[in-house]
PDB file of N, CA and C in Angstrom:
ATOM      1  N   MET A   1     -24.398  58.056  31.197  1.00  0.00           N
ATOM      2  CA  MET A   1     -23.057  57.728  31.609  1.00  0.00           C
ATOM      3  C   MET A   1     -22.706  56.290  31.249  1.00  0.00           C
ATOM      4  N   ALA A   2     -23.690  55.414  31.137  1.00  0.00           N
ATOM      5  CA  ALA A   2     -23.445  54.007  30.836  1.00  0.00           C
ATOM      6  C   ALA A   2     -22.965  53.800  29.401  1.00  0.00           C
ATOM      7  N   ASP A   3     -23.238  54.772  28.518  1.00  0.00           N
ATOM      8  CA  ASP A   3     -22.848  54.614  27.127  1.00  0.00           C
ATOM      9  C   ASP A   3     -21.476  55.203  26.812  1.00  0.00           C
ATOM     10  N   GLN A   4     -20.710  55.592  27.805  1.00  0.00           N
ATOM     11  CA  GLN A   4     -19.371  56.134  27.572  1.00  0.00           C
ATOM     12  C   GLN A   4     -18.406  55.006  27.211  1.00  0.00           C
ATOM     13  N   GLN A   5     -17.486  55.309  26.310  1.00  0.00           N
ATOM     14  CA  GLN A   5     -16.474  54.342  25.891  1.00  0.00           C
ATOM     15  C   GLN A   5     -15.367  54.268  26.928  1.00  0.00           C
ATOM     16  N   ILE A   6     -14.879  53.063  27.176  1.00  0.00           N
ATOM     17  CA  ILE A   6     -13.733  52.872  28.061  1.00  0.00           C
ATOM     18  C   ILE A   6     -12.479  53.033  27.206  1.00  0.00           C
ATOM     19  N   PRO A   7     -11.520  53.872  27.637  1.00  0.00           N
ATOM     20  CA  PRO A   7     -10.286  54.033  26.858  1.00  0.00           C
ATOM     21  C   PRO A   7      -9.588  52.690  26.650  1.00  0.00           C
ATOM     22  N   ALA A   8      -8.959  52.519  25.487  1.00  0.00           N
ATOM     23  CA  ALA A   8      -8.318  51.255  25.117  1.00  0.00           C
ATOM     24  C   ALA A   8      -7.294  50.802  26.150  1.00  0.00           C
ATOM     25  N   GLU A   9      -6.546  51.741  26.737  1.00  0.00           N
ATOM     26  CA  GLU A   9      -5.524  51.362  27.705  1.00  0.00           C
ATOM     27  C   GLU A   9      -6.115  50.818  29.007  1.00  0.00           C
ATOM     28  N   GLN A  10      -7.409  51.058  29.239  1.00  0.00           N
ATOM     29  CA  GLN A  10      -8.053  50.553  30.446  1.00  0.00           C
ATOM     30  C   GLN A  10      -8.805  49.250  30.206  1.00  0.00           C
ATOM     31  N   GLN A  11      -8.993  48.863  28.954  1.00  0.00           N
ATOM     32  CA  GLN A  11      -9.682  47.624  28.639  1.00  0.00           C
ATOM     33  C   GLN A  11      -8.736  46.454  28.867  1.00  0.00           C
ATOM     34  N   GLN A  12      -9.277  45.335  29.316  1.00  0.00           N
ATOM     35  CA  GLN A  12      -8.489  44.138  29.518  1.00  0.00           C
ATOM     36  C   GLN A  12      -9.122  42.993  28.752  1.00  0.00           C
ATOM     37  N   LEU A  13      -8.269  42.116  28.262  1.00  0.00           N
ATOM     38  CA  LEU A  13      -8.721  40.919  27.583  1.00  0.00           C
ATOM     39  C   LEU A  13      -8.346  39.736  28.452  1.00  0.00           C
ATOM     40  N   ASN A  14      -9.337  39.005  28.915  1.00  0.00           N
ATOM     41  CA  ASN A  14      -9.086  37.825  29.722  1.00  0.00           C
ATOM     42  C   ASN A  14      -9.000  36.620  28.796  1.00  0.00           C
ATOM     43  N   ILE A  15      -7.859  35.956  28.798  1.00  0.00           N
ATOM     44  CA  ILE A  15      -7.624  34.805  27.938  1.00  0.00           C
ATOM     45  C   ILE A  15      -7.569  33.558  28.810  1.00  0.00           C
ATOM     46  N   GLU A  16      -8.383  32.584  28.457  1.00  0.00           N
ATOM     47  CA  GLU A  16      -8.433  31.336  29.214  1.00  0.00           C
ATOM     48  C   GLU A  16      -7.504  30.310  28.571  1.00  0.00           C
ATOM     49  N   LEU A  17      -6.720  29.640  29.392  1.00  0.00           N
ATOM     50  CA  LEU A  17      -5.823  28.580  28.930  1.00  0.00           C
ATOM     51  C   LEU A  17      -6.223  27.303  29.649  1.00  0.00           C
ATOM     52  N   THR A  18      -6.820  26.372  28.924  1.00  0.00           N
ATOM     53  CA  THR A  18      -7.255  25.122  29.537  1.00  0.00           C
ATOM     54  C   THR A  18      -6.039  24.255  29.867  1.00  0.00           C
ATOM     55  N   GLU A  19      -6.227  23.301  30.753  1.00  0.00           N
ATOM     56  CA  GLU A  19      -5.131  22.393  31.108  1.00  0.00           C
ATOM     57  C   GLU A  19      -4.630  21.636  29.886  1.00  0.00           C
ATOM     58  N   GLU A  20      -5.545  21.219  29.043  1.00  0.00           N
ATOM     59  CA  GLU A  20      -5.174  20.479  27.836  1.00  0.00           C
ATOM     60  C   GLU A  20      -4.292  21.325  26.920  1.00  0.00           C
ATOM     61  N   MET A  21      -4.670  22.586  26.738  1.00  0.00           N
ATOM     62  CA  MET A  21      -3.892  23.475  25.871  1.00  0.00           C
ATOM     63  C   MET A  21      -2.574  23.880  26.516  1.00  0.00           C
ATOM     64  N   ALA A  22      -2.542  23.950  27.838  1.00  0.00           N
ATOM     65  CA  ALA A  22      -1.333  24.368  28.551  1.00  0.00           C
ATOM     66  C   ALA A  22      -0.186  23.401  28.311  1.00  0.00           C
ATOM     67  N   ASP A  23      -0.479  22.145  28.037  1.00  0.00           N
ATOM     68  CA  ASP A  23       0.568  21.163  27.751  1.00  0.00           C
ATOM     69  C   ASP A  23       1.274  21.477  26.432  1.00  0.00           C
ATOM     70  N   GLY A  24       0.586  22.115  25.522  1.00  0.00           N
ATOM     71  CA  GLY A  24       1.179  22.466  24.240  1.00  0.00           C
ATOM     72  C   GLY A  24       1.305  21.268  23.312  1.00  0.00           C
ATOM     73  N   THR A  25       1.708  21.551  22.095  1.00  0.00           N
ATOM     74  CA  THR A  25       1.961  20.527  21.094  1.00  0.00           C
ATOM     75  C   THR A  25       3.310  20.817  20.474  1.00  0.00           C
ATOM     76  N   TYR A  26       4.202  19.836  20.503  1.00  0.00           N
ATOM     77  CA  TYR A  26       5.535  20.030  19.944  1.00  0.00           C
ATOM     78  C   TYR A  26       5.481  19.913  18.424  1.00  0.00           C
ATOM     79  N   ALA A  27       6.179  20.816  17.754  1.00  0.00           N
ATOM     80  CA  ALA A  27       6.308  20.763  16.298  1.00  0.00           C
ATOM     81  C   ALA A  27       7.717  21.197  15.929  1.00  0.00           C
ATOM     82  N   ASN A  28       8.303  20.518  14.956  1.00  0.00           N
ATOM     83  CA  ASN A  28       9.633  20.904  14.495  1.00  0.00           C
ATOM     84  C   ASN A  28       9.638  21.255  13.003  1.00  0.00           C
ATOM     85  N   LEU A  29       8.443  21.434  12.459  1.00  0.00           N
ATOM     86  CA  LEU A  29       8.310  21.845  11.068  1.00  0.00           C
ATOM     87  C   LEU A  29       7.024  22.646  10.933  1.00  0.00           C
ATOM     88  N   ALA A  30       7.104  23.757  10.232  1.00  0.00           N
ATOM     89  CA  ALA A  30       5.909  24.545   9.934  1.00  0.00           C
ATOM     90  C   ALA A  30       5.816  24.680   8.419  1.00  0.00           C
ATOM     91  N   ILE A  31       4.662  24.366   7.889  1.00  0.00           N
ATOM     92  CA  ILE A  31       4.399  24.504   6.454  1.00  0.00           C
ATOM     93  C   ILE A  31       3.433  25.674   6.305  1.00  0.00           C
ATOM     94  N   ILE A  32       3.854  26.681   5.553  1.00  0.00           N
ATOM     95  CA  ILE A  32       3.054  27.899   5.422  1.00  0.00           C
ATOM     96  C   ILE A  32       2.564  28.030   3.987  1.00  0.00           C
ATOM     97  N   THR A  33       1.257  28.164   3.842  1.00  0.00           N
ATOM     98  CA  THR A  33       0.661  28.423   2.535  1.00  0.00           C
ATOM     99  C   THR A  33      -0.233  29.653   2.674  1.00  0.00           C
ATOM    100  N   HIS A  34      -0.590  30.229   1.556  1.00  0.00           N
ATOM    101  CA  HIS A  34      -1.440  31.418   1.625  1.00  0.00           C
ATOM    102  C   HIS A  34      -2.234  31.605   0.354  1.00  0.00           C
ATOM    103  N   SER A  35      -3.306  32.339   0.506  1.00  0.00           N
ATOM    104  CA  SER A  35      -4.109  32.813  -0.616  1.00  0.00           C
ATOM    105  C   SER A  35      -4.188  34.327  -0.460  1.00  0.00           C
ATOM    106  N   PHE A  36      -4.976  34.982  -1.268  1.00  0.00           N
ATOM    107  CA  PHE A  36      -5.111  36.439  -1.135  1.00  0.00           C
ATOM    108  C   PHE A  36      -5.778  36.828   0.175  1.00  0.00           C
ATOM    109  N   ALA A  37      -6.526  35.897   0.797  1.00  0.00           N
ATOM    110  CA  ALA A  37      -7.337  36.246   1.959  1.00  0.00           C
ATOM    111  C   ALA A  37      -6.846  35.664   3.278  1.00  0.00           C
ATOM    112  N   GLU A  38      -5.938  34.669   3.231  1.00  0.00           N
ATOM    113  CA  GLU A  38      -5.539  34.025   4.476  1.00  0.00           C
ATOM    114  C   GLU A  38      -4.165  33.376   4.383  1.00  0.00           C
ATOM    115  N   PHE A  39      -3.574  33.214   5.552  1.00  0.00           N
ATOM    116  CA  PHE A  39      -2.354  32.431   5.707  1.00  0.00           C
ATOM    117  C   PHE A  39      -2.734  31.178   6.481  1.00  0.00           C
ATOM    118  N   VAL A  40      -2.183  30.044   6.090  1.00  0.00           N
ATOM    119  CA  VAL A  40      -2.423  28.786   6.777  1.00  0.00           C
ATOM    120  C   VAL A  40      -1.069  28.251   7.230  1.00  0.00           C
ATOM    121  N   ILE A  41      -0.926  28.017   8.531  1.00  0.00           N
ATOM    122  CA  ILE A  41       0.315  27.470   9.070  1.00  0.00           C
ATOM    123  C   ILE A  41      -0.009  26.100   9.651  1.00  0.00           C
ATOM    124  N   ASP A  42       0.583  25.064   9.072  1.00  0.00           N
ATOM    125  CA  ASP A  42       0.428  23.705   9.569  1.00  0.00           C
ATOM    126  C   ASP A  42       1.680  23.346  10.352  1.00  0.00           C
ATOM    127  N   TYR A  43       1.492  22.937  11.591  1.00  0.00           N
ATOM    128  CA  TYR A  43       2.603  22.554  12.462  1.00  0.00           C
ATOM    129  C   TYR A  43       2.691  21.031  12.491  1.00  0.00           C
ATOM    130  N   VAL A  44       3.902  20.524  12.232  1.00  0.00           N
ATOM    131  CA  VAL A  44       4.131  19.098  12.072  1.00  0.00           C
ATOM    132  C   VAL A  44       5.264  18.665  12.989  1.00  0.00           C
ATOM    133  N   ASN A  45       5.199  17.449  13.495  1.00  0.00           N
ATOM    134  CA  ASN A  45       6.282  16.861  14.264  1.00  0.00           C
ATOM    135  C   ASN A  45       6.860  15.740  13.415  1.00  0.00           C
ATOM    136  N   VAL A  46       8.021  15.992  12.816  1.00  0.00           N
ATOM    137  CA  VAL A  46       8.689  15.012  11.967  1.00  0.00           C
ATOM    138  C   VAL A  46       9.668  14.225  12.830  1.00  0.00           C
ATOM    139  N   MET A  47       9.546  12.912  12.811  1.00  0.00           N
ATOM    140  CA  MET A  47      10.420  12.057  13.599  1.00  0.00           C
ATOM    141  C   MET A  47      11.493  11.437  12.695  1.00  0.00           C
ATOM    142  N   PRO A  48      12.715  11.298  13.222  1.00  0.00           N
ATOM    143  CA  PRO A  48      13.790  10.694  12.422  1.00  0.00           C
ATOM    144  C   PRO A  48      13.422   9.283  11.958  1.00  0.00           C
ATOM    145  N   ASN A  49      13.800   8.978  10.741  1.00  0.00           N
ATOM    146  CA  ASN A  49      13.602   7.649  10.136  1.00  0.00           C
ATOM    147  C   ASN A  49      12.147   7.224  10.024  1.00  0.00           C
ATOM    148  N   MET A  50      11.258   8.175  10.091  1.00  0.00           N
ATOM    149  CA  MET A  50       9.837   7.881   9.912  1.00  0.00           C
ATOM    150  C   MET A  50       9.399   8.503   8.590  1.00  0.00           C
ATOM    151  N   PRO A  51       8.860   7.701   7.682  1.00  0.00           N
ATOM    152  CA  PRO A  51       8.508   8.220   6.357  1.00  0.00           C
ATOM    153  C   PRO A  51       7.220   9.026   6.322  1.00  0.00           C
ATOM    154  N   LYS A  52       6.518   9.096   7.451  1.00  0.00           N
ATOM    155  CA  LYS A  52       5.225   9.774   7.469  1.00  0.00           C
ATOM    156  C   LYS A  52       5.112  10.634   8.723  1.00  0.00           C
ATOM    157  N   ALA A  53       4.456  11.772   8.576  1.00  0.00           N
ATOM    158  CA  ALA A  53       4.203  12.655   9.714  1.00  0.00           C
ATOM    159  C   ALA A  53       2.825  13.280   9.531  1.00  0.00           C
ATOM    160  N   LYS A  54       2.190  13.587  10.650  1.00  0.00           N
ATOM    161  CA  LYS A  54       0.856  14.180  10.597  1.00  0.00           C
ATOM    162  C   LYS A  54       0.903  15.626  11.063  1.00  0.00           C
ATOM    163  N   VAL A  55      -0.001  16.415  10.525  1.00  0.00           N
ATOM    164  CA  VAL A  55      -0.168  17.787  10.999  1.00  0.00           C
ATOM    165  C   VAL A  55      -0.724  17.703  12.416  1.00  0.00           C
ATOM    166  N   LYS A  56      -0.051  18.375  13.358  1.00  0.00           N
ATOM    167  CA  LYS A  56      -0.470  18.366  14.756  1.00  0.00           C
ATOM    168  C   LYS A  56      -1.411  19.519  15.071  1.00  0.00           C
ATOM    169  N   SER A  57      -1.248  20.618  14.321  1.00  0.00           N
ATOM    170  CA  SER A  57      -2.085  21.787  14.561  1.00  0.00           C
ATOM    171  C   SER A  57      -2.096  22.644  13.300  1.00  0.00           C
ATOM    172  N   ARG A  58      -3.212  23.288  13.053  1.00  0.00           N
ATOM    173  CA  ARG A  58      -3.330  24.204  11.910  1.00  0.00           C
ATOM    174  C   ARG A  58      -3.866  25.527  12.426  1.00  0.00           C
ATOM    175  N   VAL A  59      -3.222  26.615  12.016  1.00  0.00           N
ATOM    176  CA  VAL A  59      -3.665  27.953  12.379  1.00  0.00           C
ATOM    177  C   VAL A  59      -3.936  28.712  11.085  1.00  0.00           C
ATOM    178  N   VAL A  60      -5.125  29.283  10.989  1.00  0.00           N
ATOM    179  CA  VAL A  60      -5.520  30.069   9.820  1.00  0.00           C
ATOM    180  C   VAL A  60      -5.706  31.504  10.291  1.00  0.00           C
ATOM    181  N   MET A  61      -5.106  32.450   9.554  1.00  0.00           N
ATOM    182  CA  MET A  61      -5.216  33.854   9.951  1.00  0.00           C
ATOM    183  C   MET A  61      -5.214  34.761   8.728  1.00  0.00           C
ATOM    184  N   THR A  62      -5.657  35.979   8.958  1.00  0.00           N
ATOM    185  CA  THR A  62      -5.661  36.971   7.890  1.00  0.00           C
ATOM    186  C   THR A  62      -4.223  37.401   7.591  1.00  0.00           C
ATOM    187  N   PRO A  63      -3.966  37.963   6.411  1.00  0.00           N
ATOM    188  CA  PRO A  63      -2.625  38.475   6.115  1.00  0.00           C
ATOM    189  C   PRO A  63      -2.171  39.525   7.138  1.00  0.00           C
ATOM    190  N   GLN A  64      -3.090  40.359   7.611  1.00  0.00           N
ATOM    191  CA  GLN A  64      -2.733  41.374   8.595  1.00  0.00           C
ATOM    192  C   GLN A  64      -2.261  40.728   9.901  1.00  0.00           C
ATOM    193  N   HIS A  65      -2.949  39.687  10.344  1.00  0.00           N
ATOM    194  CA  HIS A  65      -2.541  39.003  11.566  1.00  0.00           C
ATOM    195  C   HIS A  65      -1.232  38.233  11.352  1.00  0.00           C
ATOM    196  N   ALA A  66      -1.036  37.694  10.156  1.00  0.00           N
ATOM    197  CA  ALA A  66       0.219  36.999   9.855  1.00  0.00           C
ATOM    198  C   ALA A  66       1.394  37.975   9.951  1.00  0.00           C
ATOM    199  N   LYS A  67       1.203  39.183   9.463  1.00  0.00           N
ATOM    200  CA  LYS A  67       2.264  40.185   9.537  1.00  0.00           C
ATOM    201  C   LYS A  67       2.525  40.586  10.988  1.00  0.00           C
ATOM    202  N   ARG A  68       1.475  40.730  11.781  1.00  0.00           N
ATOM    203  CA  ARG A  68       1.650  41.033  13.207  1.00  0.00           C
ATOM    204  C   ARG A  68       2.391  39.903  13.919  1.00  0.00           C
ATOM    205  N   LEU A  69       2.064  38.667  13.560  1.00  0.00           N
ATOM    206  CA  LEU A  69       2.759  37.513  14.142  1.00  0.00           C
ATOM    207  C   LEU A  69       4.238  37.551  13.776  1.00  0.00           C
ATOM    208  N   MET A  70       4.547  37.851  12.527  1.00  0.00           N
ATOM    209  CA  MET A  70       5.935  37.945  12.080  1.00  0.00           C
ATOM    210  C   MET A  70       6.692  38.996  12.896  1.00  0.00           C
ATOM    211  N   LYS A  71       6.093  40.165  13.067  1.00  0.00           N
ATOM    212  CA  LYS A  71       6.743  41.230  13.841  1.00  0.00           C
ATOM    213  C   LYS A  71       6.935  40.819  15.294  1.00  0.00           C
ATOM    214  N   ALA A  72       5.936  40.148  15.873  1.00  0.00           N
ATOM    215  CA  ALA A  72       6.040  39.697  17.261  1.00  0.00           C
ATOM    216  C   ALA A  72       7.140  38.649  17.411  1.00  0.00           C
ATOM    217  N   LEU A  73       7.249  37.756  16.444  1.00  0.00           N
ATOM    218  CA  LEU A  73       8.315  36.745  16.491  1.00  0.00           C
ATOM    219  C   LEU A  73       9.688  37.397  16.381  1.00  0.00           C
ATOM    220  N   ILE A  74       9.830  38.354  15.471  1.00  0.00           N
ATOM    221  CA  ILE A  74      11.108  39.057  15.317  1.00  0.00           C
ATOM    222  C   ILE A  74      11.492  39.730  16.632  1.00  0.00           C
ATOM    223  N   GLU A  75      10.553  40.433  17.242  1.00  0.00           N
ATOM    224  CA  GLU A  75      10.827  41.125  18.505  1.00  0.00           C
ATOM    225  C   GLU A  75      11.197  40.144  19.615  1.00  0.00           C
ATOM    226  N   ASN A  76      10.495  39.024  19.695  1.00  0.00           N
ATOM    227  CA  ASN A  76      10.768  38.054  20.750  1.00  0.00           C
ATOM    228  C   ASN A  76      12.076  37.310  20.533  1.00  0.00           C
ATOM    229  N   VAL A  77      12.453  37.060  19.289  1.00  0.00           N
ATOM    230  CA  VAL A  77      13.758  36.443  19.021  1.00  0.00           C
ATOM    231  C   VAL A  77      14.871  37.411  19.431  1.00  0.00           C
ATOM    232  N   LYS A  78      14.693  38.697  19.148  1.00  0.00           N
ATOM    233  CA  LYS A  78      15.675  39.693  19.573  1.00  0.00           C
ATOM    234  C   LYS A  78      15.826  39.702  21.087  1.00  0.00           C
ATOM    235  N   ARG A  79      14.707  39.672  21.813  1.00  0.00           N
ATOM    236  CA  ARG A  79      14.745  39.646  23.275  1.00  0.00           C
ATOM    237  C   ARG A  79      15.422  38.376  23.788  1.00  0.00           C
ATOM    238  N   PHE A  80      15.089  37.247  23.192  1.00  0.00           N
ATOM    239  CA  PHE A  80      15.680  35.972  23.583  1.00  0.00           C
ATOM    240  C   PHE A  80      17.196  36.010  23.405  1.00  0.00           C
ATOM    241  N   GLU A  81      17.644  36.488  22.232  1.00  0.00           N
ATOM    242  CA  GLU A  81      19.082  36.529  21.954  1.00  0.00           C
ATOM    243  C   GLU A  81      19.803  37.521  22.854  1.00  0.00           C
ATOM    244  N   ALA A  82      19.145  38.599  23.219  1.00  0.00           N
ATOM    245  CA  ALA A  82      19.753  39.560  24.140  1.00  0.00           C
ATOM    246  C   ALA A  82      19.973  38.925  25.508  1.00  0.00           C
ATOM    247  N   GLN A  83      19.077  38.044  25.901  1.00  0.00           N
ATOM    248  CA  GLN A  83      19.168  37.407  27.212  1.00  0.00           C
ATOM    249  C   GLN A  83      20.037  36.145  27.203  1.00  0.00           C
ATOM    250  N   TYR A  84      19.945  35.336  26.145  1.00  0.00           N
ATOM    251  CA  TYR A  84      20.595  34.023  26.138  1.00  0.00           C
ATOM    252  C   TYR A  84      21.705  33.855  25.105  1.00  0.00           C
ATOM    253  N   GLY A  85      21.875  34.814  24.225  1.00  0.00           N
ATOM    254  CA  GLY A  85      22.881  34.695  23.174  1.00  0.00           C
ATOM    255  C   GLY A  85      22.244  34.365  21.841  1.00  0.00           C
ATOM    256  N   VAL A  86      23.049  34.494  20.818  1.00  0.00           N
ATOM    257  CA  VAL A  86      22.571  34.323  19.445  1.00  0.00           C
ATOM    258  C   VAL A  86      22.125  32.882  19.205  1.00  0.00           C
ATOM    259  N   ILE A  87      20.986  32.733  18.581  1.00  0.00           N
ATOM    260  CA  ILE A  87      20.486  31.420  18.168  1.00  0.00           C
ATOM    261  C   ILE A  87      21.224  31.051  16.887  1.00  0.00           C
ATOM    262  N   LYS A  88      21.912  29.932  16.910  1.00  0.00           N
ATOM    263  CA  LYS A  88      22.673  29.503  15.732  1.00  0.00           C
ATOM    264  C   LYS A  88      21.742  28.809  14.749  1.00  0.00           C
ATOM    265  N   ASP A  89      21.837  29.227  13.492  1.00  0.00           N
ATOM    266  CA  ASP A  89      21.073  28.563  12.438  1.00  0.00           C
ATOM    267  C   ASP A  89      21.693  27.201  12.183  1.00  0.00           C
ATOM    268  N   GLN A  90      20.856  26.193  12.093  1.00  0.00           N
ATOM    269  CA  GLN A  90      21.320  24.873  11.709  1.00  0.00           C
ATOM    270  C   GLN A  90      20.904  24.640  10.280  1.00  0.00           C
ATOM    271  N   GLU A  91      21.789  24.008   9.544  1.00  0.00           N
ATOM    272  CA  GLU A  91      21.443  23.706   8.163  1.00  0.00           C
ATOM    273  C   GLU A  91      20.359  22.643   8.176  1.00  0.00           C
ATOM    274  N   ALA A  92      19.214  22.985   7.642  1.00  0.00           N
ATOM    275  CA  ALA A  92      18.087  22.052   7.639  1.00  0.00           C
ATOM    276  C   ALA A  92      18.317  20.972   6.592  1.00  0.00           C
ATOM    277  N   PRO A  93      18.102  19.722   6.970  1.00  0.00           N
ATOM    278  CA  PRO A  93      18.244  18.654   5.978  1.00  0.00           C
ATOM    279  C   PRO A  93      17.138  18.763   4.940  1.00  0.00           C
ATOM    280  N   ALA A  94      17.447  18.354   3.737  1.00  0.00           N
ATOM    281  CA  ALA A  94      16.435  18.353   2.680  1.00  0.00           C
ATOM    282  C   ALA A  94      15.413  17.288   3.020  1.00  0.00           C
ATOM    283  N   LEU A  95      14.182  17.699   3.172  1.00  0.00           N
ATOM    284  CA  LEU A  95      13.118  16.766   3.521  1.00  0.00           C
ATOM    285  C   LEU A  95      12.310  16.426   2.277  1.00  0.00           C
ATOM    286  N   PRO A  96      12.456  15.230   1.783  1.00  0.00           N
ATOM    287  CA  PRO A  96      11.625  14.838   0.628  1.00  0.00           C
ATOM    288  C   PRO A  96      10.244  14.429   1.143  1.00  0.00           C
ATOM    289  N   PHE A  97       9.329  15.384   1.161  1.00  0.00           N
ATOM    290  CA  PHE A  97       8.013  15.057   1.672  1.00  0.00           C
ATOM    291  C   PHE A  97       6.932  15.543   0.729  1.00  0.00           C
ATOM    292  N   ALA A  98       5.826  14.847   0.797  1.00  0.00           N
ATOM    293  CA  ALA A  98       4.646  15.247   0.038  1.00  0.00           C
ATOM    294  C   ALA A  98       3.595  15.683   1.051  1.00  0.00           C
ATOM    295  N   PHE A  99       3.033  16.827   0.818  1.00  0.00           N
ATOM    296  CA  PHE A  99       2.025  17.353   1.726  1.00  0.00           C
ATOM    297  C   PHE A  99       0.668  17.033   1.127  1.00  0.00           C
ATOM    298  N   ASN A 100       0.032  15.999   1.654  1.00  0.00           N
ATOM    299  CA  ASN A 100      -1.243  15.541   1.126  1.00  0.00           C
ATOM    300  C   ASN A 100      -2.396  16.093   1.947  1.00  0.00           C
ATOM    301  N   GLY A 101      -2.714  17.323   1.710  1.00  0.00           N
ATOM    302  CA  GLY A 101      -3.822  17.946   2.433  1.00  0.00           C
ATOM    303  C   GLY A 101      -4.425  19.010   1.566  1.00  0.00           C
ATOM    304  N   PRO A 102      -5.483  19.609   2.041  1.00  0.00           N
ATOM    305  CA  PRO A 102      -6.125  20.662   1.246  1.00  0.00           C
ATOM    306  C   PRO A 102      -5.212  21.877   1.131  1.00  0.00           C
ATOM    307  N   ALA A 103      -5.237  22.492  -0.014  1.00  0.00           N
ATOM    308  CA  ALA A 103      -4.440  23.696  -0.234  1.00  0.00           C
ATOM    309  C   ALA A 103      -4.994  24.827   0.612  1.00  0.00           C
ATOM    310  N   GLY A 104      -4.109  25.720   1.041  1.00  0.00           N
ATOM    311  CA  GLY A 104      -4.521  26.844   1.886  1.00  0.00           C
ATOM    312  C   GLY A 104      -5.085  27.971   1.058  1.00  0.00           C
ATOM    313  N   GLN A 105      -6.252  27.763   0.496  1.00  0.00           N
ATOM    314  CA  GLN A 105      -6.874  28.798  -0.326  1.00  0.00           C
ATOM    315  C   GLN A 105      -8.297  29.044   0.135  1.00  0.00           C
ATOM    316  N   ALA A 106      -8.744  30.256  -0.087  1.00  0.00           N
ATOM    317  CA  ALA A 106     -10.122  30.593   0.297  1.00  0.00           C
ATOM    318  C   ALA A 106     -11.058  30.351  -0.859  1.00  0.00           C
TER     319      ALA A 106
END
């Protein structure tokens, strides 16, 4: 009886959120690169009139997980807009920046 599988709907995943992570990291720019094996998302906080910005966080994921993230974001934006109204697109200023870091390739 100990070797029986627990149905997926009964399994739970406990996710720990440390105090440090709970504060979050603000980013107003995401730079996305990819190779055949992975997507790399670098989150940056660009400040006005500052010629330099640092990557605050980097997330590397498989293409399958990147697609799941895209679908989850689409669904959550729809829910947000249903509750709070349409998010207005702002015309992004042209950012003349050089990304001096390793390329997102495997």
